PDB file of all heavy atoms in Angstrom:
ATOM      1  N   TYR A   1      23.587  35.856  51.495  1.00  0.00           N
ATOM      2  CA  TYR A   1      24.863  36.558  51.583  1.00  0.00           C
ATOM      3  C   TYR A   1      24.745  37.952  50.973  1.00  0.00           C
ATOM      4  O   TYR A   1      25.326  38.232  49.928  1.00  0.00           O
ATOM      5  CB  TYR A   1      25.967  35.779  50.858  1.00  0.00           C
ATOM      6  CG  TYR A   1      26.517  34.618  51.647  1.00  0.00           C
ATOM      7  CD1 TYR A   1      25.815  33.413  51.697  1.00  0.00           C
ATOM      8  CD2 TYR A   1      27.707  34.727  52.343  1.00  0.00           C
ATOM      9  CE1 TYR A   1      26.311  32.337  52.434  1.00  0.00           C
ATOM     10  CE2 TYR A   1      28.205  33.661  53.072  1.00  0.00           C
ATOM     11  CZ  TYR A   1      27.501  32.472  53.112  1.00  0.00           C
ATOM     12  OH  TYR A   1      27.997  31.418  53.842  1.00  0.00           O
ATOM     13  N   PRO A   2      23.990  38.841  51.591  1.00  0.00           N
ATOM     14  CA  PRO A   2      23.961  40.220  51.100  1.00  0.00           C
ATOM     15  C   PRO A   2      25.332  40.861  51.253  1.00  0.00           C
ATOM     16  O   PRO A   2      26.227  40.308  51.905  1.00  0.00           O
ATOM     17  CB  PRO A   2      22.917  40.900  51.992  1.00  0.00           C
ATOM     18  CG  PRO A   2      22.879  40.067  53.226  1.00  0.00           C
ATOM     19  CD  PRO A   2      23.167  38.659  52.786  1.00  0.00           C
ATOM     20  N   TYR A   3      25.486  42.047  50.670  1.00  0.00           N
ATOM     21  CA  TYR A   3      26.804  42.704  50.618  1.00  0.00           C
ATOM     22  C   TYR A   3      27.478  42.771  51.990  1.00  0.00           C
ATOM     23  O   TYR A   3      28.669  42.503  52.116  1.00  0.00           O
ATOM     24  CB  TYR A   3      26.656  44.109  50.045  1.00  0.00           C
ATOM     25  CG  TYR A   3      27.940  44.890  50.035  1.00  0.00           C
ATOM     26  CD1 TYR A   3      28.916  44.614  49.080  1.00  0.00           C
ATOM     27  CD2 TYR A   3      28.196  45.872  50.982  1.00  0.00           C
ATOM     28  CE1 TYR A   3      30.115  45.309  49.079  1.00  0.00           C
ATOM     29  CE2 TYR A   3      29.390  46.573  50.982  1.00  0.00           C
ATOM     30  CZ  TYR A   3      30.339  46.289  50.026  1.00  0.00           C
ATOM     31  OH  TYR A   3      31.524  46.977  50.034  1.00  0.00           O
ATOM     32  N   SER A   4      26.709  43.109  53.008  1.00  0.00           N
ATOM     33  CA  SER A   4      27.296  43.285  54.344  1.00  0.00           C
ATOM     34  C   SER A   4      27.912  41.999  54.871  1.00  0.00           C
ATOM     35  O   SER A   4      28.797  42.027  55.726  1.00  0.00           O
ATOM     36  CB  SER A   4      26.219  43.772  55.319  1.00  0.00           C
ATOM     37  OG  SER A   4      25.146  42.848  55.382  1.00  0.00           O
ATOM     38  N   VAL A   5      27.462  40.849  54.340  1.00  0.00           N
ATOM     39  CA  VAL A   5      28.001  39.570  54.796  1.00  0.00           C
ATOM     40  C   VAL A   5      29.146  39.112  53.911  1.00  0.00           C
ATOM     41  O   VAL A   5      30.234  38.795  54.379  1.00  0.00           O
ATOM     42  CB  VAL A   5      26.885  38.493  54.825  1.00  0.00           C
ATOM     43  CG1 VAL A   5      27.476  37.130  55.183  1.00  0.00           C
ATOM     44  CG2 VAL A   5      25.805  38.891  55.813  1.00  0.00           C
ATOM     45  N   ILE A   6      28.905  39.084  52.592  1.00  0.00           N
ATOM     46  CA  ILE A   6      29.905  38.530  51.680  1.00  0.00           C
ATOM     47  C   ILE A   6      31.180  39.341  51.678  1.00  0.00           C
ATOM     48  O   ILE A   6      32.271  38.838  51.404  1.00  0.00           O
ATOM     49  CB  ILE A   6      29.336  38.417  50.248  1.00  0.00           C
ATOM     50  CG1 ILE A   6      30.264  37.608  49.343  1.00  0.00           C
ATOM     51  CG2 ILE A   6      29.086  39.789  49.649  1.00  0.00           C
ATOM     52  CD1 ILE A   6      30.506  36.185  49.813  1.00  0.00           C
ATOM     53  N   GLU A   7      31.106  40.624  52.017  1.00  0.00           N
ATOM     54  CA  GLU A   7      32.305  41.460  52.048  1.00  0.00           C
ATOM     55  C   GLU A   7      33.279  40.990  53.129  1.00  0.00           C
ATOM     56  O   GLU A   7      34.490  41.155  53.005  1.00  0.00           O
ATOM     57  CB  GLU A   7      31.907  42.915  52.308  1.00  0.00           C
ATOM     58  CG  GLU A   7      33.055  43.905  52.191  1.00  0.00           C
ATOM     59  CD  GLU A   7      33.598  44.080  50.787  1.00  0.00           C
ATOM     60  OE1 GLU A   7      33.000  43.520  49.846  1.00  0.00           O
ATOM     61  OE2 GLU A   7      34.616  44.759  50.632  1.00  0.00           O
ATOM     62  N   ASN A   8      32.755  40.369  54.172  1.00  0.00           N
ATOM     63  CA  ASN A   8      33.593  39.975  55.305  1.00  0.00           C
ATOM     64  C   ASN A   8      33.722  38.467  55.490  1.00  0.00           C
ATOM     65  O   ASN A   8      34.615  38.009  56.204  1.00  0.00           O
ATOM     66  CB  ASN A   8      33.028  40.585  56.594  1.00  0.00           C
ATOM     67  CG  ASN A   8      32.993  42.106  56.536  1.00  0.00           C
ATOM     68  OD1 ASN A   8      34.005  42.735  56.319  1.00  0.00           O
ATOM     69  ND2 ASN A   8      31.814  42.683  56.720  1.00  0.00           N
ATOM     70  N   VAL A   9      32.820  37.706  54.869  1.00  0.00           N
ATOM     71  CA  VAL A   9      32.818  36.259  55.062  1.00  0.00           C
ATOM     72  C   VAL A   9      32.937  35.555  53.712  1.00  0.00           C
ATOM     73  O   VAL A   9      32.043  35.678  52.870  1.00  0.00           O
ATOM     74  CB  VAL A   9      31.523  35.797  55.778  1.00  0.00           C
ATOM     75  CG1 VAL A   9      31.554  34.286  55.992  1.00  0.00           C
ATOM     76  CG2 VAL A   9      31.354  36.517  57.102  1.00  0.00           C
ATOM     77  N   PRO A  10      34.002  34.833  53.445  1.00  0.00           N
ATOM     78  CA  PRO A  10      34.125  34.126  52.163  1.00  0.00           C
ATOM     79  C   PRO A  10      33.088  33.014  52.053  1.00  0.00           C
ATOM     80  O   PRO A  10      32.683  32.430  53.062  1.00  0.00           O
ATOM     81  CB  PRO A  10      35.548  33.560  52.209  1.00  0.00           C
ATOM     82  CG  PRO A  10      35.878  33.467  53.669  1.00  0.00           C
ATOM     83  CD  PRO A  10      35.155  34.603  54.329  1.00  0.00           C
ATOM     84  N   PHE A  11      32.667  32.740  50.828  1.00  0.00           N
ATOM     85  CA  PHE A  11      31.674  31.685  50.594  1.00  0.00           C
ATOM     86  C   PHE A  11      32.416  30.361  50.432  1.00  0.00           C
ATOM     87  O   PHE A  11      33.025  30.095  49.396  1.00  0.00           O
ATOM     88  CB  PHE A  11      30.843  32.014  49.357  1.00  0.00           C
ATOM     89  CG  PHE A  11      29.684  31.075  49.149  1.00  0.00           C
ATOM     90  CD1 PHE A  11      28.614  31.063  50.029  1.00  0.00           C
ATOM     91  CD2 PHE A  11      29.663  30.214  48.063  1.00  0.00           C
ATOM     92  CE1 PHE A  11      27.548  30.205  49.839  1.00  0.00           C
ATOM     93  CE2 PHE A  11      28.594  29.356  47.864  1.00  0.00           C
ATOM     94  CZ  PHE A  11      27.531  29.351  48.753  1.00  0.00           C
ATOM     95  N   GLU A  12      32.355  29.541  51.428  1.00  0.00           N
ATOM     96  CA  GLU A  12      33.186  28.332  51.477  1.00  0.00           C
ATOM     97  C   GLU A  12      32.761  27.262  50.483  1.00  0.00           C
ATOM     98  O   GLU A  12      33.530  26.348  50.188  1.00  0.00           O
ATOM     99  CB  GLU A  12      33.196  27.761  52.897  1.00  0.00           C
ATOM    100  CG  GLU A  12      33.855  28.703  53.907  1.00  0.00           C
ATOM    101  CD  GLU A  12      33.919  28.110  55.299  1.00  0.00           C
ATOM    102  OE1 GLU A  12      33.332  27.025  55.501  1.00  0.00           O
ATOM    103  OE2 GLU A  12      34.548  28.735  56.177  1.00  0.00           O
ATOM    104  N   MET A  13      31.530  27.363  49.955  1.00  0.00           N
ATOM    105  CA  MET A  13      31.064  26.343  49.017  1.00  0.00           C
ATOM    106  C   MET A  13      31.412  26.697  47.566  1.00  0.00           C
ATOM    107  O   MET A  13      31.061  25.961  46.653  1.00  0.00           O
ATOM    108  CB  MET A  13      29.548  26.153  49.180  1.00  0.00           C
ATOM    109  CG  MET A  13      29.058  24.787  48.722  1.00  0.00           C
ATOM    110  SD  MET A  13      27.424  24.368  49.376  1.00  0.00           S
ATOM    111  CE  MET A  13      26.409  25.711  48.733  1.00  0.00           C
ATOM    112  N   LYS A  14      32.082  27.813  47.339  1.00  0.00           N
ATOM    113  CA  LYS A  14      32.486  28.213  45.989  1.00  0.00           C
ATOM    114  C   LYS A  14      33.280  27.094  45.337  1.00  0.00           C
ATOM    115  O   LYS A  14      34.262  26.589  45.897  1.00  0.00           O
ATOM    116  CB  LYS A  14      33.333  29.484  46.059  1.00  0.00           C
ATOM    117  CG  LYS A  14      33.844  29.953  44.697  1.00  0.00           C
ATOM    118  CD  LYS A  14      34.673  31.228  44.827  1.00  0.00           C
ATOM    119  CE  LYS A  14      35.202  31.677  43.474  1.00  0.00           C
ATOM    120  NZ  LYS A  14      35.961  32.951  43.563  1.00  0.00           N
ATOM    121  N   GLY A  15      32.836  26.674  44.149  1.00  0.00           N
ATOM    122  CA  GLY A  15      33.505  25.597  43.430  1.00  0.00           C
ATOM    123  C   GLY A  15      33.107  24.211  43.897  1.00  0.00           C
ATOM    124  O   GLY A  15      33.562  23.211  43.321  1.00  0.00           O
ATOM    125  N   ARG A  16      32.233  24.114  44.917  1.00  0.00           N
ATOM    126  CA  ARG A  16      31.884  22.797  45.472  1.00  0.00           C
ATOM    127  C   ARG A  16      30.375  22.617  45.633  1.00  0.00           C
ATOM    128  O   ARG A  16      29.924  21.837  46.480  1.00  0.00           O
ATOM    129  CB  ARG A  16      32.589  22.600  46.814  1.00  0.00           C
ATOM    130  CG  ARG A  16      34.106  22.657  46.721  1.00  0.00           C
ATOM    131  CD  ARG A  16      34.766  22.109  47.975  1.00  0.00           C
ATOM    132  NE  ARG A  16      34.551  22.991  49.104  1.00  0.00           N
ATOM    133  CZ  ARG A  16      35.364  23.989  49.440  1.00  0.00           C
ATOM    134  NH1 ARG A  16      36.437  24.227  48.724  1.00  0.00           N
ATOM    135  NH2 ARG A  16      35.117  24.749  50.494  1.00  0.00           N
ATOM    136  N   TRP A  17      29.597  23.349  44.837  1.00  0.00           N
ATOM    137  CA  TRP A  17      28.136  23.216  44.929  1.00  0.00           C
ATOM    138  C   TRP A  17      27.677  21.780  44.665  1.00  0.00           C
ATOM    139  O   TRP A  17      26.793  21.264  45.354  1.00  0.00           O
ATOM    140  CB  TRP A  17      27.460  24.148  43.928  1.00  0.00           C
ATOM    141  CG  TRP A  17      27.374  25.581  44.339  1.00  0.00           C
ATOM    142  CD1 TRP A  17      28.315  26.552  44.138  1.00  0.00           C
ATOM    143  CD2 TRP A  17      26.285  26.228  45.017  1.00  0.00           C
ATOM    144  NE1 TRP A  17      27.880  27.752  44.644  1.00  0.00           N
ATOM    145  CE2 TRP A  17      26.640  27.589  45.185  1.00  0.00           C
ATOM    146  CE3 TRP A  17      25.054  25.788  45.482  1.00  0.00           C
ATOM    147  CZ2 TRP A  17      25.798  28.515  45.804  1.00  0.00           C
ATOM    148  CZ3 TRP A  17      24.210  26.708  46.109  1.00  0.00           C
ATOM    149  CH2 TRP A  17      24.573  28.046  46.266  1.00  0.00           C
ATOM    150  N   ARG A  18      28.263  21.128  43.677  1.00  0.00           N
ATOM    151  CA  ARG A  18      27.823  19.768  43.341  1.00  0.00           C
ATOM    152  C   ARG A  18      28.109  18.802  44.481  1.00  0.00           C
ATOM    153  O   ARG A  18      27.258  17.979  44.839  1.00  0.00           O
ATOM    154  CB  ARG A  18      28.502  19.292  42.054  1.00  0.00           C
ATOM    155  CG  ARG A  18      28.046  19.997  40.788  1.00  0.00           C
ATOM    156  CD  ARG A  18      28.739  19.409  39.567  1.00  0.00           C
ATOM    157  NE  ARG A  18      28.325  20.061  38.349  1.00  0.00           N
ATOM    158  CZ  ARG A  18      28.892  21.167  37.853  1.00  0.00           C
ATOM    159  NH1 ARG A  18      29.905  21.735  38.514  1.00  0.00           N
ATOM    160  NH2 ARG A  18      28.462  21.697  36.737  1.00  0.00           N
ATOM    161  N   ASP A  19      29.290  18.891  45.034  1.00  0.00           N
ATOM    162  CA  ASP A  19      29.683  17.935  46.083  1.00  0.00           C
ATOM    163  C   ASP A  19      28.983  18.213  47.401  1.00  0.00           C
ATOM    164  O   ASP A  19      28.523  17.284  48.077  1.00  0.00           O
ATOM    165  CB  ASP A  19      31.202  17.988  46.288  1.00  0.00           C
ATOM    166  CG  ASP A  19      31.958  17.462  45.087  1.00  0.00           C
ATOM    167  OD1 ASP A  19      31.395  16.649  44.336  1.00  0.00           O
ATOM    168  OD2 ASP A  19      33.122  17.881  44.894  1.00  0.00           O
ATOM    169  N   GLU A  20      28.863  19.477  47.781  1.00  0.00           N
ATOM    170  CA  GLU A  20      28.425  19.798  49.131  1.00  0.00           C
ATOM    171  C   GLU A  20      26.940  20.119  49.258  1.00  0.00           C
ATOM    172  O   GLU A  20      26.391  20.012  50.361  1.00  0.00           O
ATOM    173  CB  GLU A  20      29.264  20.964  49.675  1.00  0.00           C
ATOM    174  CG  GLU A  20      30.733  20.608  49.809  1.00  0.00           C
ATOM    175  CD  GLU A  20      31.532  21.684  50.507  1.00  0.00           C
ATOM    176  OE1 GLU A  20      30.926  22.610  51.089  1.00  0.00           O
ATOM    177  OE2 GLU A  20      32.783  21.609  50.463  1.00  0.00           O
ATOM    178  N   TYR A  21      26.296  20.489  48.158  1.00  0.00           N
ATOM    179  CA  TYR A  21      24.857  20.769  48.262  1.00  0.00           C
ATOM    180  C   TYR A  21      24.030  19.789  47.432  1.00  0.00           C
ATOM    181  O   TYR A  21      23.138  19.118  47.952  1.00  0.00           O
ATOM    182  CB  TYR A  21      24.522  22.202  47.842  1.00  0.00           C
ATOM    183  CG  TYR A  21      23.023  22.447  47.901  1.00  0.00           C
ATOM    184  CD1 TYR A  21      22.394  22.641  49.134  1.00  0.00           C
ATOM    185  CD2 TYR A  21      22.227  22.410  46.757  1.00  0.00           C
ATOM    186  CE1 TYR A  21      21.020  22.810  49.216  1.00  0.00           C
ATOM    187  CE2 TYR A  21      20.854  22.581  46.832  1.00  0.00           C
ATOM    188  CZ  TYR A  21      20.251  22.776  48.062  1.00  0.00           C
ATOM    189  OH  TYR A  21      18.891  22.924  48.144  1.00  0.00           O
ATOM    190  N   PHE A  22      24.298  19.694  46.138  1.00  0.00           N
ATOM    191  CA  PHE A  22      23.455  18.862  45.274  1.00  0.00           C
ATOM    192  C   PHE A  22      23.792  17.372  45.382  1.00  0.00           C
ATOM    193  O   PHE A  22      22.949  16.521  45.091  1.00  0.00           O
ATOM    194  CB  PHE A  22      23.591  19.316  43.818  1.00  0.00           C
ATOM    195  CG  PHE A  22      23.014  20.678  43.561  1.00  0.00           C
ATOM    196  CD1 PHE A  22      23.824  21.758  43.237  1.00  0.00           C
ATOM    197  CD2 PHE A  22      21.645  20.893  43.644  1.00  0.00           C
ATOM    198  CE1 PHE A  22      23.290  23.018  43.003  1.00  0.00           C
ATOM    199  CE2 PHE A  22      21.091  22.153  43.408  1.00  0.00           C
ATOM    200  CZ  PHE A  22      21.929  23.218  43.094  1.00  0.00           C
ATOM    201  N   HIS A  23      25.022  17.057  45.755  1.00  0.00           N
ATOM    202  CA  HIS A  23      25.470  15.664  45.900  1.00  0.00           C
ATOM    203  C   HIS A  23      25.299  14.881  44.603  1.00  0.00           C
ATOM    204  O   HIS A  23      24.841  13.733  44.579  1.00  0.00           O
ATOM    205  CB  HIS A  23      24.721  14.973  47.049  1.00  0.00           C
ATOM    206  CG  HIS A  23      24.833  15.720  48.339  1.00  0.00           C
ATOM    207  ND1 HIS A  23      26.032  15.890  49.009  1.00  0.00           N
ATOM    208  CD2 HIS A  23      23.882  16.347  49.089  1.00  0.00           C
ATOM    209  CE1 HIS A  23      25.825  16.592  50.110  1.00  0.00           C
ATOM    210  NE2 HIS A  23      24.532  16.897  50.187  1.00  0.00           N
ATOM    211  N   ASN A  24      25.651  15.525  43.504  1.00  0.00           N
ATOM    212  CA  ASN A  24      25.696  14.876  42.198  1.00  0.00           C
ATOM    213  C   ASN A  24      26.650  15.669  41.321  1.00  0.00           C
ATOM    214  O   ASN A  24      27.167  16.705  41.738  1.00  0.00           O
ATOM    215  CB  ASN A  24      24.289  14.775  41.568  1.00  0.00           C
ATOM    216  CG  ASN A  24      23.664  16.148  41.331  1.00  0.00           C
ATOM    217  OD1 ASN A  24      24.268  17.041  40.735  1.00  0.00           O
ATOM    218  ND2 ASN A  24      22.425  16.325  41.794  1.00  0.00           N
ATOM    219  N   GLN A  25      26.871  15.192  40.113  1.00  0.00           N
ATOM    220  CA  GLN A  25      27.771  15.881  39.175  1.00  0.00           C
ATOM    221  C   GLN A  25      27.008  16.427  37.967  1.00  0.00           C
ATOM    222  O   GLN A  25      27.568  16.587  36.887  1.00  0.00           O
ATOM    223  CB  GLN A  25      28.882  14.921  38.727  1.00  0.00           C
ATOM    224  CG  GLN A  25      29.811  14.488  39.848  1.00  0.00           C
ATOM    225  CD  GLN A  25      30.453  15.674  40.562  1.00  0.00           C
ATOM    226  OE1 GLN A  25      31.065  16.533  39.914  1.00  0.00           O
ATOM    227  NE2 GLN A  25      30.316  15.749  41.882  1.00  0.00           N
ATOM    228  N   ASN A  26      25.737  16.730  38.167  1.00  0.00           N
ATOM    229  CA  ASN A  26      24.907  17.248  37.081  1.00  0.00           C
ATOM    230  C   ASN A  26      25.241  18.701  36.765  1.00  0.00           C
ATOM    231  O   ASN A  26      25.803  19.412  37.602  1.00  0.00           O
ATOM    232  CB  ASN A  26      23.426  17.131  37.459  1.00  0.00           C
ATOM    233  CG  ASN A  26      22.980  15.688  37.610  1.00  0.00           C
ATOM    234  OD1 ASN A  26      23.575  14.786  37.014  1.00  0.00           O
ATOM    235  ND2 ASN A  26      21.962  15.457  38.411  1.00  0.00           N
ATOM    236  N   PRO A  27      24.895  19.177  35.558  1.00  0.00           N
ATOM    237  CA  PRO A  27      25.141  20.580  35.188  1.00  0.00           C
ATOM    238  C   PRO A  27      24.426  21.530  36.141  1.00  0.00           C
ATOM    239  O   PRO A  27      23.408  21.185  36.754  1.00  0.00           O
ATOM    240  CB  PRO A  27      24.554  20.677  33.771  1.00  0.00           C
ATOM    241  CG  PRO A  27      24.503  19.274  33.268  1.00  0.00           C
ATOM    242  CD  PRO A  27      24.266  18.409  34.472  1.00  0.00           C
ATOM    243  N   ILE A  28      24.967  22.744  36.249  1.00  0.00           N
ATOM    244  CA  ILE A  28      24.374  23.792  37.073  1.00  0.00           C
ATOM    245  C   ILE A  28      23.927  24.947  36.186  1.00  0.00           C
ATOM    246  O   ILE A  28      24.684  25.407  35.323  1.00  0.00           O
ATOM    247  CB  ILE A  28      25.363  24.297  38.143  1.00  0.00           C
ATOM    248  CG1 ILE A  28      25.644  23.205  39.183  1.00  0.00           C
ATOM    249  CG2 ILE A  28      24.827  25.559  38.830  1.00  0.00           C
ATOM    250  CD1 ILE A  28      26.660  23.588  40.235  1.00  0.00           C
ATOM    251  N   VAL A  29      22.701  25.394  36.386  1.00  0.00           N
ATOM    252  CA  VAL A  29      22.123  26.501  35.632  1.00  0.00           C
ATOM    253  C   VAL A  29      21.693  27.579  36.617  1.00  0.00           C
ATOM    254  O   VAL A  29      21.038  27.282  37.623  1.00  0.00           O
ATOM    255  CB  VAL A  29      20.911  26.044  34.797  1.00  0.00           C
ATOM    256  CG1 VAL A  29      20.260  27.227  34.077  1.00  0.00           C
ATOM    257  CG2 VAL A  29      21.332  24.972  33.790  1.00  0.00           C
ATOM    258  N   LEU A  30      22.059  28.834  36.345  1.00  0.00           N
ATOM    259  CA  LEU A  30      21.681  29.956  37.207  1.00  0.00           C
ATOM    260  C   LEU A  30      20.555  30.765  36.574  1.00  0.00           C
ATOM    261  O   LEU A  30      20.532  30.963  35.357  1.00  0.00           O
ATOM    262  CB  LEU A  30      22.860  30.904  37.430  1.00  0.00           C
ATOM    263  CG  LEU A  30      24.157  30.365  38.013  1.00  0.00           C
ATOM    264  CD1 LEU A  30      25.108  31.530  38.277  1.00  0.00           C
ATOM    265  CD2 LEU A  30      23.915  29.565  39.269  1.00  0.00           C
ATOM    266  N   GLU A  31      19.628  31.237  37.413  1.00  0.00           N
ATOM    267  CA  GLU A  31      18.693  32.282  37.006  1.00  0.00           C
ATOM    268  C   GLU A  31      19.054  33.526  37.812  1.00  0.00           C
ATOM    269  O   GLU A  31      18.903  33.543  39.035  1.00  0.00           O
ATOM    270  CB  GLU A  31      17.237  31.901  37.262  1.00  0.00           C
ATOM    271  CG  GLU A  31      16.284  32.996  36.758  1.00  0.00           C
ATOM    272  CD  GLU A  31      14.845  32.821  37.208  1.00  0.00           C
ATOM    273  OE1 GLU A  31      14.555  31.896  37.997  1.00  0.00           O
ATOM    274  OE2 GLU A  31      14.006  33.638  36.791  1.00  0.00           O
ATOM    275  N   LEU A  32      19.538  34.554  37.126  1.00  0.00           N
ATOM    276  CA  LEU A  32      19.969  35.779  37.795  1.00  0.00           C
ATOM    277  C   LEU A  32      18.842  36.800  37.770  1.00  0.00           C
ATOM    278  O   LEU A  32      18.317  37.134  36.713  1.00  0.00           O
ATOM    279  CB  LEU A  32      21.212  36.343  37.099  1.00  0.00           C
ATOM    280  CG  LEU A  32      22.428  35.405  37.050  1.00  0.00           C
ATOM    281  CD1 LEU A  32      23.605  36.097  36.387  1.00  0.00           C
ATOM    282  CD2 LEU A  32      22.801  34.922  38.441  1.00  0.00           C
ATOM    283  N   GLY A  33      18.502  37.297  38.973  1.00  0.00           N
ATOM    284  CA  GLY A  33      17.326  38.143  39.098  1.00  0.00           C
ATOM    285  C   GLY A  33      16.078  37.284  39.047  1.00  0.00           C
ATOM    286  O   GLY A  33      15.162  37.519  38.278  1.00  0.00           O
ATOM    287  N   CYS A  34      16.032  36.277  39.905  1.00  0.00           N
ATOM    288  CA  CYS A  34      15.002  35.232  39.799  1.00  0.00           C
ATOM    289  C   CYS A  34      13.646  35.652  40.335  1.00  0.00           C
ATOM    290  O   CYS A  34      12.655  34.936  40.133  1.00  0.00           O
ATOM    291  CB  CYS A  34      15.467  33.960  40.512  1.00  0.00           C
ATOM    292  SG  CYS A  34      15.579  34.116  42.317  1.00  0.00           S
TER     293      CYS A  34
END
């Protein structure tokens, strides 16, 4: 989702990463600038 995409298309999985991608309720850790 580079700028040209996210500016026009909302990210539908916001707030639902555990349910819709990971399929668990475990903690989420981000690495920014990975």
